[in-house]
Amino acid sequence: MNPSNQLDRKERELEAARRISQALFQHLSVEDVVEQGLKIALEVVNCRAGSVLLANPETKELVFYHSIGDQPLKPGTAFPWTQGIAGSVFATGEPVVIKDVKEDQRHLEKIDQLSGFHTRDLIAIPLNRWEGHPIGVLEVMNKREDRLNQDDVAILMIIGAFTALAIEQARLFQEAKLAEVARILGDIGHDVKNMLMPVMCGTSLLRDEMNDVFADLPAFDPDKGRASYELCLEVIGMVANNAKRIQERVKEIADCVKGLTSPPRFAPCKLHHVIASVFDTLKLAAQEKGISLAHEGILDLPVMQADESRLFNAFYNLVNNAISEVPKGGSITITGKMEAMGKTVHVSVIDTGRGMPAEIRDTLFTTRAISRKQGGTGLGTKIVKDVIEAHSGVIGVESEVNRGTVFHIHLPMEVATTFSSDHVSS
């Protein structure tokens, strides 16, 4: 390399370092850091398209976090981190420059097919922490003039180093925010627990008082009195049961804050009892909106191994969400049947609501989920997915606008004692 070219390369590297350091450390979210890092990488080496893939240690996959180009890949697209050119770079920690991907057997044609983009030349560089552990891969493709070369690799390694550092900084910032949220939740949980105590005591006193009052009422209309008495008992029972459930959930918050998150408690469970409890709890809310609750095939399901409390939370979230989506006169039906020669139960939660557009449906089961309920957080389906996966099950969804929604849940009858979070596509 002659001195002029060497000087030109050093100037490009310095300019890349200046731009990336100036841009990245203004951002405190991983999303913004990744987007800015990739954008600068493409501009500096003059490429048409690129992607940042981040590793998911739980599923052992590389996940497309952000893509830029004429036909960018959908975020969340994933493949095993042992496959492809990116997988090789992730494993070795060494960058690669490929002038013609057709000649490289590691190239995953299915990724081009998914995006509709034709990859010609490519550079993939590792995104490493300072101590060397990889967190992902940055790829750029199809240089506009000429082909990608080693000079481009040197510049991209600088950008990659700054990007990886900024990603780690953003993650640490988010973890610090979560720690503060956890502390506040602990305080809230303590107060809610205390406020629930008079509710629990009050329902007990009210039950005793009501028994005395109804016993002394004149028996001029015994049928009406009996019906009123039974309704009061039902409402008091519902309040007491749900106050107890709130206490249990608040204890989970306190345990979580202390780092004592408890594993699922598996025991023989009748799914019918879980569904009946959910319907009893939400019956009044459904009646107010003129929505019918029904189940089919649930009574015929055999006893399974499950954490009944967590399954209640999962189905409560699904039915409660559906109530807000179903118009008057609609219905919510939970069906159940055995599959896989009696080893798996398939439960469907079917509603006749307004359905979901793709942009909402595609965020379900994630922390990015979008809620259409007033005051909703969007975290309900993420909670459901966590419960189902804790049972070694899978969940998916079918939904179209104005055609209702169906959640499909597959649960094993017997659950292993250890769990892994497998990649699930809805």
Protein backbone atom coordinates (compact mmCIF):
# COMPACT_ATOMS: atom_id res chain seq x y z
CA MET A 1 0.00 0.00 0.00
CA ASN A 2 1.51 3.35 -1.03
CA PRO A 3 1.77 6.19 1.54
CA SER A 4 -1.06 8.17 -0.09
CA ASN A 5 -3.51 5.27 0.13
CA GLN A 6 -2.39 4.49 3.67
CA LEU A 7 -2.98 8.10 4.72
CA ASP A 8 -6.40 8.06 3.04
CA ARG A 9 -7.33 4.90 4.94
CA LYS A 10 -6.23 6.37 8.28
CA GLU A 11 -8.27 9.49 7.61
CA ARG A 12 -11.34 7.37 6.84
CA GLU A 13 -10.83 5.38 10.05
CA LEU A 14 -10.47 8.54 12.15
CA GLU A 15 -13.55 10.06 10.55
CA ALA A 16 -15.52 6.84 11.20
CA ALA A 17 -14.39 6.84 14.86
CA ARG A 18 -15.35 10.51 15.26
CA ARG A 19 -18.80 10.05 13.72
CA ILE A 20 -19.66 6.87 15.58
CA SER A 21 -18.51 8.16 18.98
CA GLN A 22 -20.38 11.43 18.49
CA ALA A 23 -23.59 9.71 17.38
CA LEU A 24 -23.82 6.66 19.63
CA PHE A 25 -23.23 8.02 23.10
CA GLN A 26 -26.09 10.50 22.76
CA HIS A 27 -28.50 7.54 22.85
CA LEU A 28 -29.53 5.51 25.87
CA SER A 29 -31.73 2.84 24.26
CA VAL A 30 -30.43 -0.29 22.53
CA GLU A 31 -32.82 0.33 19.62
CA ASP A 32 -31.40 3.81 18.90
CA VAL A 33 -27.79 2.67 19.32
CA VAL A 34 -28.20 -0.22 16.88
CA GLU A 35 -30.01 1.93 14.31
CA GLN A 36 -27.40 4.72 14.42
CA GLY A 37 -24.45 2.31 14.35
CA LEU A 38 -25.77 0.48 11.31
CA LYS A 39 -26.68 3.70 9.50
CA ILE A 40 -23.15 5.10 9.93
CA ALA A 41 -21.58 1.78 8.88
CA LEU A 42 -23.52 1.79 5.60
CA GLU A 43 -22.69 5.43 4.89
CA VAL A 44 -18.94 5.04 5.59
CA VAL A 45 -18.44 2.01 3.31
CA ASN A 46 -21.14 3.07 0.82
CA CYS A 47 -23.27 -0.11 0.97
CA ARG A 48 -26.88 -0.65 -0.07
CA ALA A 49 -28.04 -2.79 2.85
CA GLY A 50 -27.05 -4.11 6.24
CA SER A 51 -28.23 -5.74 9.44
CA VAL A 52 -27.37 -5.99 13.11
CA LEU A 53 -27.95 -9.41 14.65
CA LEU A 54 -27.89 -9.81 18.43
CA ALA A 55 -27.39 -13.12 20.21
CA ASN A 56 -30.13 -14.68 22.32
CA PRO A 57 -28.32 -16.95 24.83
CA GLU A 58 -31.55 -18.67 25.89
CA THR A 59 -32.46 -19.89 22.40
CA LYS A 60 -28.86 -19.94 21.05
CA GLU A 61 -29.96 -17.91 18.05
CA LEU A 62 -28.87 -14.82 16.19
CA VAL A 63 -31.83 -12.47 15.94
CA PHE A 64 -32.18 -9.72 13.32
CA TYR A 65 -32.56 -6.67 15.55
CA HIS A 66 -32.45 -3.96 12.90
CA SER A 67 -32.05 -3.96 9.11
CA ILE A 68 -31.65 -1.17 6.55
CA GLY A 69 -32.19 -1.51 2.81
CA ASP A 70 -34.80 -1.60 0.08
CA GLN A 71 -36.29 -4.77 1.59
CA PRO A 72 -35.26 -4.92 5.27
CA LEU A 73 -35.83 -8.12 7.20
CA LYS A 74 -38.57 -8.17 9.82
CA PRO A 75 -37.14 -7.64 13.33
CA GLY A 76 -37.21 -10.86 15.31
CA THR A 77 -36.30 -13.13 12.38
CA ALA A 78 -33.87 -15.64 13.83
CA PHE A 79 -31.69 -18.64 13.00
CA PRO A 80 -29.35 -20.90 15.05
CA TRP A 81 -26.12 -19.11 15.91
CA THR A 82 -24.12 -22.04 14.51
CA GLN A 83 -25.41 -21.42 10.96
CA GLY A 84 -24.53 -19.04 8.15
CA ILE A 85 -21.69 -16.59 7.65
CA ALA A 86 -22.90 -14.57 10.65
CA GLY A 87 -22.87 -17.73 12.78
CA SER A 88 -19.27 -18.43 11.78
CA VAL A 89 -18.20 -14.87 12.63
CA PHE A 90 -20.06 -15.04 15.95
CA ALA A 91 -18.31 -18.32 16.85
CA THR A 92 -14.78 -17.30 15.83
CA GLY A 93 -14.87 -13.62 16.71
CA GLU A 94 -13.09 -12.89 13.41
CA PRO A 95 -14.45 -10.67 10.60
CA VAL A 96 -14.89 -11.96 7.05
CA VAL A 97 -15.07 -10.22 3.67
CA ILE A 98 -16.74 -12.14 0.86
CA LYS A 99 -16.65 -10.74 -2.66
CA ASP A 100 -19.18 -13.26 -4.02
CA VAL A 101 -21.52 -15.02 -1.57
CA LYS A 102 -22.46 -17.60 -4.24
CA GLU A 103 -19.04 -19.11 -3.76
CA ASP A 104 -19.44 -19.43 0.02
CA GLN A 105 -21.35 -22.50 1.21
CA ARG A 106 -22.12 -20.85 4.56
CA HIS A 107 -24.39 -18.24 2.95
CA LEU A 108 -28.04 -18.76 3.94
CA GLU A 109 -30.13 -18.40 0.79
CA LYS A 110 -33.30 -18.56 2.88
CA ILE A 111 -32.49 -15.15 4.37
CA ASP A 112 -32.33 -13.61 0.87
CA GLN A 113 -35.58 -15.38 0.03
CA LEU A 114 -37.29 -13.98 3.13
CA SER A 115 -36.26 -10.41 2.34
CA GLY A 116 -36.32 -10.56 -1.44
CA PHE A 117 -32.85 -8.95 -1.41
CA HIS A 118 -30.07 -10.39 -3.61
CA THR A 119 -26.78 -10.40 -1.69
CA ARG A 120 -23.66 -10.06 -3.85
CA ASP A 121 -20.70 -9.11 -1.65
CA LEU A 122 -20.68 -8.98 2.13
CA ILE A 123 -18.67 -8.10 5.22
CA ALA A 124 -19.61 -9.54 8.61
CA ILE A 125 -17.86 -8.34 11.76
CA PRO A 126 -18.27 -9.53 15.36
CA LEU A 127 -19.77 -7.26 18.02
CA ASN A 128 -17.71 -8.06 21.10
CA ARG A 129 -17.69 -6.87 24.69
CA TRP A 130 -14.40 -5.45 25.93
CA GLU A 131 -13.55 -8.79 27.55
CA GLY A 132 -14.07 -10.49 24.21
CA HIS A 133 -17.42 -12.21 24.67
CA PRO A 134 -19.57 -11.83 21.52
CA ILE A 135 -22.99 -10.19 21.69
CA GLY A 136 -23.83 -10.23 17.98
CA VAL A 137 -22.78 -9.55 14.40
CA LEU A 138 -22.90 -6.51 12.09
CA GLU A 139 -23.29 -7.21 8.36
CA VAL A 140 -23.10 -4.86 5.36
CA MET A 141 -23.90 -5.94 1.80
CA ASN A 142 -23.54 -4.84 -1.81
CA LYS A 143 -21.10 -1.95 -2.07
CA ARG A 144 -22.36 0.63 -4.56
CA GLU A 145 -19.00 1.08 -6.27
CA ASP A 146 -16.58 -1.81 -6.72
CA ARG A 147 -16.61 -4.61 -4.12
CA LEU A 148 -16.07 -4.69 -0.37
CA ASN A 149 -12.43 -5.17 0.68
CA GLN A 150 -10.03 -5.34 3.66
CA ASP A 151 -9.89 -1.54 3.98
CA ASP A 152 -13.64 -1.59 4.57
CA VAL A 153 -13.17 -4.32 7.20
CA ALA A 154 -10.73 -2.14 9.16
CA ILE A 155 -13.16 0.78 9.24
CA LEU A 156 -16.13 -1.44 10.15
CA MET A 157 -14.18 -3.04 13.02
CA ILE A 158 -13.84 0.43 14.56
CA ILE A 159 -17.55 1.11 14.10
CA GLY A 160 -18.38 -2.35 15.48
CA ALA A 161 -16.25 -1.84 18.58
CA PHE A 162 -17.95 1.47 19.39
CA THR A 163 -21.39 0.02 18.62
CA ALA A 164 -20.88 -2.99 20.90
CA LEU A 165 -19.67 -0.71 23.70
CA ALA A 166 -22.68 1.58 23.25
CA ILE A 167 -25.07 -1.40 23.26
CA GLU A 168 -23.59 -2.58 26.55
CA GLN A 169 -23.85 0.93 27.99
CA ALA A 170 -27.50 1.18 26.91
CA ARG A 171 -28.25 -2.22 28.43
CA LEU A 172 -26.64 -1.23 31.72
CA PHE A 173 -28.69 1.98 31.74
CA GLN A 174 -31.90 0.01 31.13
CA GLU A 175 -30.96 -2.47 33.87
CA ALA A 176 -30.42 0.42 36.27
CA LYS A 177 -33.86 1.78 35.38
CA LEU A 178 -35.38 -1.66 35.93
CA ALA A 179 -33.68 -1.91 39.31
CA GLU A 180 -35.28 1.38 40.31
CA VAL A 181 -38.65 0.16 39.01
CA ALA A 182 -38.23 -3.03 41.04
CA ARG A 183 -37.53 -0.99 44.18
CA ILE A 184 -40.65 1.11 43.63
CA LEU A 185 -42.71 -2.01 42.92
CA GLY A 186 -41.53 -3.42 46.22
CA ASP A 187 -42.81 -0.35 48.02
CA ILE A 188 -46.12 -0.45 46.14
CA GLY A 189 -46.50 -4.16 46.83
CA HIS A 190 -45.98 -3.59 50.54
CA ASP A 191 -48.68 -0.92 50.62
CA VAL A 192 -51.15 -2.94 48.53
CA LYS A 193 -50.66 -5.93 50.84
CA ASN A 194 -51.45 -3.75 53.84
CA MET A 195 -54.49 -2.21 52.15
CA LEU A 196 -55.85 -5.66 51.31
CA MET A 197 -55.91 -6.76 54.94
CA PRO A 198 -59.06 -4.75 55.86
CA VAL A 199 -60.70 -6.01 52.64
CA MET A 200 -60.12 -9.60 53.72
CA CYS A 201 -61.30 -8.90 57.26
CA GLY A 202 -64.25 -6.86 56.00
CA THR A 203 -65.57 -9.62 53.75
CA SER A 204 -65.45 -12.05 56.66
CA LEU A 205 -67.35 -9.67 58.93
CA LEU A 206 -69.85 -8.90 56.15
CA ARG A 207 -70.51 -12.61 55.64
CA ASP A 208 -71.21 -13.12 59.35
CA GLU A 209 -73.42 -10.02 59.53
CA MET A 210 -75.35 -11.06 56.41
CA ASN A 211 -76.00 -14.51 57.86
CA ASP A 212 -77.50 -12.92 60.98
CA VAL A 213 -79.61 -10.40 59.01
CA PHE A 214 -81.07 -12.93 56.58
CA ALA A 215 -81.85 -15.33 59.42
CA ASP A 216 -84.05 -12.65 61.07
CA LEU A 217 -85.86 -11.47 57.92
CA PRO A 218 -89.59 -12.20 57.79
CA ALA A 219 -90.28 -15.06 55.45
CA PHE A 220 -92.87 -13.23 53.32
CA ASP A 221 -90.96 -14.03 50.09
CA PRO A 222 -88.60 -16.91 50.79
CA ASP A 223 -87.60 -17.42 47.12
CA LYS A 224 -86.55 -13.80 46.64
CA GLY A 225 -84.74 -13.77 49.96
CA ARG A 226 -82.88 -16.99 49.12
CA ALA A 227 -81.86 -15.67 45.69
CA SER A 228 -80.61 -12.43 47.21
CA TYR A 229 -78.73 -14.32 49.89
CA GLU A 230 -77.03 -16.59 47.33
CA LEU A 231 -76.06 -13.62 45.16
CA CYS A 232 -74.50 -11.84 48.13
CA LEU A 233 -72.59 -14.98 49.08
CA GLU A 234 -71.35 -15.34 45.51
CA VAL A 235 -70.12 -11.73 45.32
CA ILE A 236 -68.45 -11.92 48.74
CA GLY A 237 -66.78 -15.17 47.75
CA MET A 238 -65.50 -13.63 44.54
CA VAL A 239 -64.10 -10.59 46.39
CA ALA A 240 -62.41 -12.79 49.01
CA ASN A 241 -60.91 -15.17 46.44
CA ASN A 242 -59.54 -12.39 44.30
CA ALA A 243 -58.20 -10.46 47.26
CA LYS A 244 -56.30 -13.62 48.17
CA ARG A 245 -54.97 -13.89 44.61
CA ILE A 246 -53.86 -10.25 44.75
CA GLN A 247 -52.02 -10.97 47.98
CA GLU A 248 -50.24 -13.91 46.33
CA ARG A 249 -49.23 -11.80 43.32
CA VAL A 250 -48.00 -8.99 45.57
CA LYS A 251 -45.85 -11.53 47.43
CA GLU A 252 -44.34 -12.49 44.06
CA ILE A 253 -43.42 -8.82 43.52
CA ALA A 254 -41.73 -8.69 46.91
CA ASP A 255 -39.88 -11.96 46.23
CA CYS A 256 -38.78 -10.71 42.83
CA VAL A 257 -37.39 -7.51 44.32
CA LYS A 258 -35.38 -9.65 46.77
CA GLY A 259 -34.17 -11.89 43.93
CA LEU A 260 -36.19 -14.84 45.17
CA THR A 261 -38.40 -15.53 42.16
CA SER A 262 -40.01 -18.88 42.88
CA PRO A 263 -40.15 -21.68 40.29
CA PRO A 264 -43.52 -23.07 39.18
CA ARG A 265 -45.15 -25.45 41.66
CA PHE A 266 -46.40 -28.38 39.63
CA ALA A 267 -49.14 -30.58 41.04
CA PRO A 268 -52.12 -32.57 39.72
CA CYS A 269 -54.42 -30.01 38.11
CA LYS A 270 -57.89 -30.16 36.59
CA LEU A 271 -57.95 -27.57 33.80
CA HIS A 272 -61.73 -27.34 34.15
CA HIS A 273 -61.32 -25.92 37.67
CA VAL A 274 -58.93 -23.25 36.37
CA ILE A 275 -61.27 -22.19 33.56
CA ALA A 276 -64.29 -22.23 35.89
CA SER A 277 -62.45 -19.93 38.35
CA VAL A 278 -61.55 -17.53 35.55
CA PHE A 279 -65.15 -17.44 34.29
CA ASP A 280 -66.52 -16.96 37.83
CA THR A 281 -64.15 -14.04 38.39
CA LEU A 282 -64.95 -12.31 35.10
CA LYS A 283 -68.64 -13.27 34.87
CA LEU A 284 -69.96 -9.89 36.05
CA ALA A 285 -67.64 -7.97 33.70
CA ALA A 286 -68.82 -10.10 30.77
CA GLN A 287 -72.49 -9.76 31.73
CA GLU A 288 -72.20 -5.97 31.86
CA LYS A 289 -71.04 -5.98 28.23
CA GLY A 290 -73.54 -8.61 27.09
CA ILE A 291 -70.84 -11.17 26.30
CA SER A 292 -71.32 -14.91 26.80
CA LEU A 293 -68.59 -17.11 28.29
CA ALA A 294 -68.55 -20.80 27.35
CA HIS A 295 -66.28 -23.82 27.24
CA GLU A 296 -66.28 -26.99 25.14
CA GLY A 297 -64.39 -30.22 25.80
CA ILE A 298 -62.73 -28.86 28.95
CA LEU A 299 -64.67 -31.19 31.27
CA ASP A 300 -63.35 -34.22 29.36
CA LEU A 301 -59.68 -33.37 29.84
CA PRO A 302 -57.78 -35.61 32.28
CA VAL A 303 -55.75 -34.41 35.24
CA MET A 304 -52.43 -32.86 34.18
CA GLN A 305 -49.29 -31.62 35.94
CA ALA A 306 -49.43 -27.82 36.20
CA ASP A 307 -49.08 -24.78 38.42
CA GLU A 308 -52.77 -23.98 38.87
CA SER A 309 -52.18 -20.43 40.12
CA ARG A 310 -50.04 -19.46 37.13
CA LEU A 311 -52.42 -21.06 34.64
CA PHE A 312 -55.22 -19.03 36.22
CA ASN A 313 -53.17 -15.86 35.61
CA ALA A 314 -52.58 -16.84 31.97
CA PHE A 315 -56.21 -17.61 31.12
CA TYR A 316 -57.43 -14.64 33.16
CA ASN A 317 -55.29 -12.32 31.04
CA LEU A 318 -56.53 -13.84 27.77
CA VAL A 319 -60.23 -13.73 28.72
CA ASN A 320 -59.98 -10.29 30.33
CA ASN A 321 -58.29 -8.91 27.20
CA ALA A 322 -60.96 -10.51 25.01
CA ILE A 323 -63.80 -8.92 27.00
CA SER A 324 -62.53 -5.46 26.04
CA GLU A 325 -62.42 -6.45 22.36
CA VAL A 326 -65.73 -8.29 21.93
CA PRO A 327 -68.87 -6.25 21.13
CA LYS A 328 -72.26 -6.71 22.80
CA GLY A 329 -73.82 -10.04 21.85
CA GLY A 330 -70.42 -11.62 21.17
CA SER A 331 -68.83 -14.62 22.83
CA ILE A 332 -65.61 -15.98 24.30
CA THR A 333 -65.22 -19.74 24.14
CA ILE A 334 -62.44 -21.92 25.54
CA THR A 335 -62.13 -25.34 23.89
CA GLY A 336 -59.93 -28.27 24.84
CA LYS A 337 -58.86 -31.54 23.24
CA MET A 338 -56.12 -34.13 23.57
CA GLU A 339 -53.35 -34.46 20.98
CA ALA A 340 -50.11 -36.39 20.38
CA MET A 341 -51.62 -39.69 21.57
CA GLY A 342 -52.69 -38.21 24.89
CA LYS A 343 -49.38 -36.51 25.71
CA THR A 344 -50.48 -32.94 24.94
CA VAL A 345 -53.58 -30.86 25.55
CA HIS A 346 -54.57 -28.25 22.96
CA VAL A 347 -56.56 -25.35 24.43
CA SER A 348 -58.01 -22.60 22.24
CA VAL A 349 -59.36 -19.26 23.47
CA ILE A 350 -61.74 -18.04 20.77
CA ASP A 351 -63.45 -14.66 20.68
CA THR A 352 -65.76 -12.93 18.20
CA GLY A 353 -64.10 -9.56 18.69
CA ARG A 354 -62.72 -7.00 16.25
CA GLY A 355 -59.48 -8.89 15.61
CA MET A 356 -56.01 -7.40 15.32
CA PRO A 357 -54.07 -5.73 12.51
CA ALA A 358 -50.63 -7.17 11.72
CA GLU A 359 -48.72 -4.39 13.50
CA ILE A 360 -50.40 -5.27 16.81
CA ARG A 361 -50.48 -9.04 16.29
CA ASP A 362 -46.73 -9.15 15.54
CA THR A 363 -45.83 -7.53 18.88
CA LEU A 364 -47.83 -9.97 21.02
CA PHE A 365 -45.93 -12.00 23.64
CA THR A 366 -43.18 -9.35 23.79
CA THR A 367 -42.42 -6.36 25.98
CA ARG A 368 -43.18 -4.25 22.87
CA ALA A 369 -46.82 -5.40 22.82
CA ILE A 370 -49.34 -2.66 22.04
CA SER A 371 -52.45 -2.41 24.20
CA ARG A 372 -55.70 -0.98 22.85
CA LYS A 373 -57.31 -0.92 26.32
CA GLN A 374 -57.51 2.43 28.07
CA GLY A 375 -54.72 2.42 30.63
CA GLY A 376 -53.41 -0.94 29.36
CA THR A 377 -49.70 -1.77 29.47
CA GLY A 378 -49.63 -4.39 26.72
CA LEU A 379 -47.78 -6.82 29.00
CA GLY A 380 -50.68 -9.29 29.40
CA THR A 381 -49.71 -11.54 26.50
CA LYS A 382 -46.04 -11.50 27.58
CA ILE A 383 -47.15 -12.77 31.00
CA VAL A 384 -49.22 -15.47 29.28
CA LYS A 385 -46.27 -16.58 27.13
CA ASP A 386 -43.98 -16.76 30.17
CA VAL A 387 -46.51 -18.98 32.00
CA ILE A 388 -46.98 -21.30 29.02
CA GLU A 389 -43.23 -21.63 28.46
CA ALA A 390 -42.72 -22.35 32.18
CA HIS A 391 -44.99 -25.35 31.52
CA SER A 392 -42.84 -26.38 28.51
CA GLY A 393 -45.74 -25.39 26.28
CA VAL A 394 -46.13 -23.18 23.21
CA ILE A 395 -48.63 -20.47 22.31
CA GLY A 396 -49.61 -18.94 18.98
CA VAL A 397 -52.31 -16.65 17.68
CA GLU A 398 -54.56 -16.29 14.64
CA SER A 399 -56.31 -12.98 14.14
CA GLU A 400 -57.73 -10.85 11.36
CA VAL A 401 -59.43 -7.49 11.55
CA ASN A 402 -63.21 -7.90 12.03
CA ARG A 403 -62.88 -11.69 12.17
CA GLY A 404 -62.02 -12.34 15.80
CA THR A 405 -58.99 -13.88 17.46
CA VAL A 406 -57.94 -17.40 18.43
CA PHE A 407 -55.10 -18.15 20.83
CA HIS A 408 -53.77 -21.72 20.50
CA ILE A 409 -52.05 -23.19 23.55
CA HIS A 410 -50.31 -26.57 23.60
CA LEU A 411 -49.42 -27.95 27.04
CA PRO A 412 -47.74 -31.26 27.87
CA MET A 413 -49.55 -33.50 30.35
CA GLU A 414 -46.27 -34.11 32.19
CA VAL A 415 -43.71 -31.34 32.71
CA ALA A 416 -39.96 -31.83 33.00
CA THR A 417 -38.25 -30.45 36.08
CA THR A 418 -35.91 -28.17 34.08
CA PHE A 419 -36.94 -25.72 31.40
CA SER A 420 -35.47 -23.95 28.39
CA SER A 421 -37.05 -21.06 26.55
CA ASP A 422 -37.32 -22.24 22.93
CA HIS A 423 -37.88 -19.85 20.04
CA VAL A 424 -41.59 -19.67 19.26
CA SER A 425 -43.14 -17.96 16.26
CA SER A 426 -46.77 -17.00 16.50
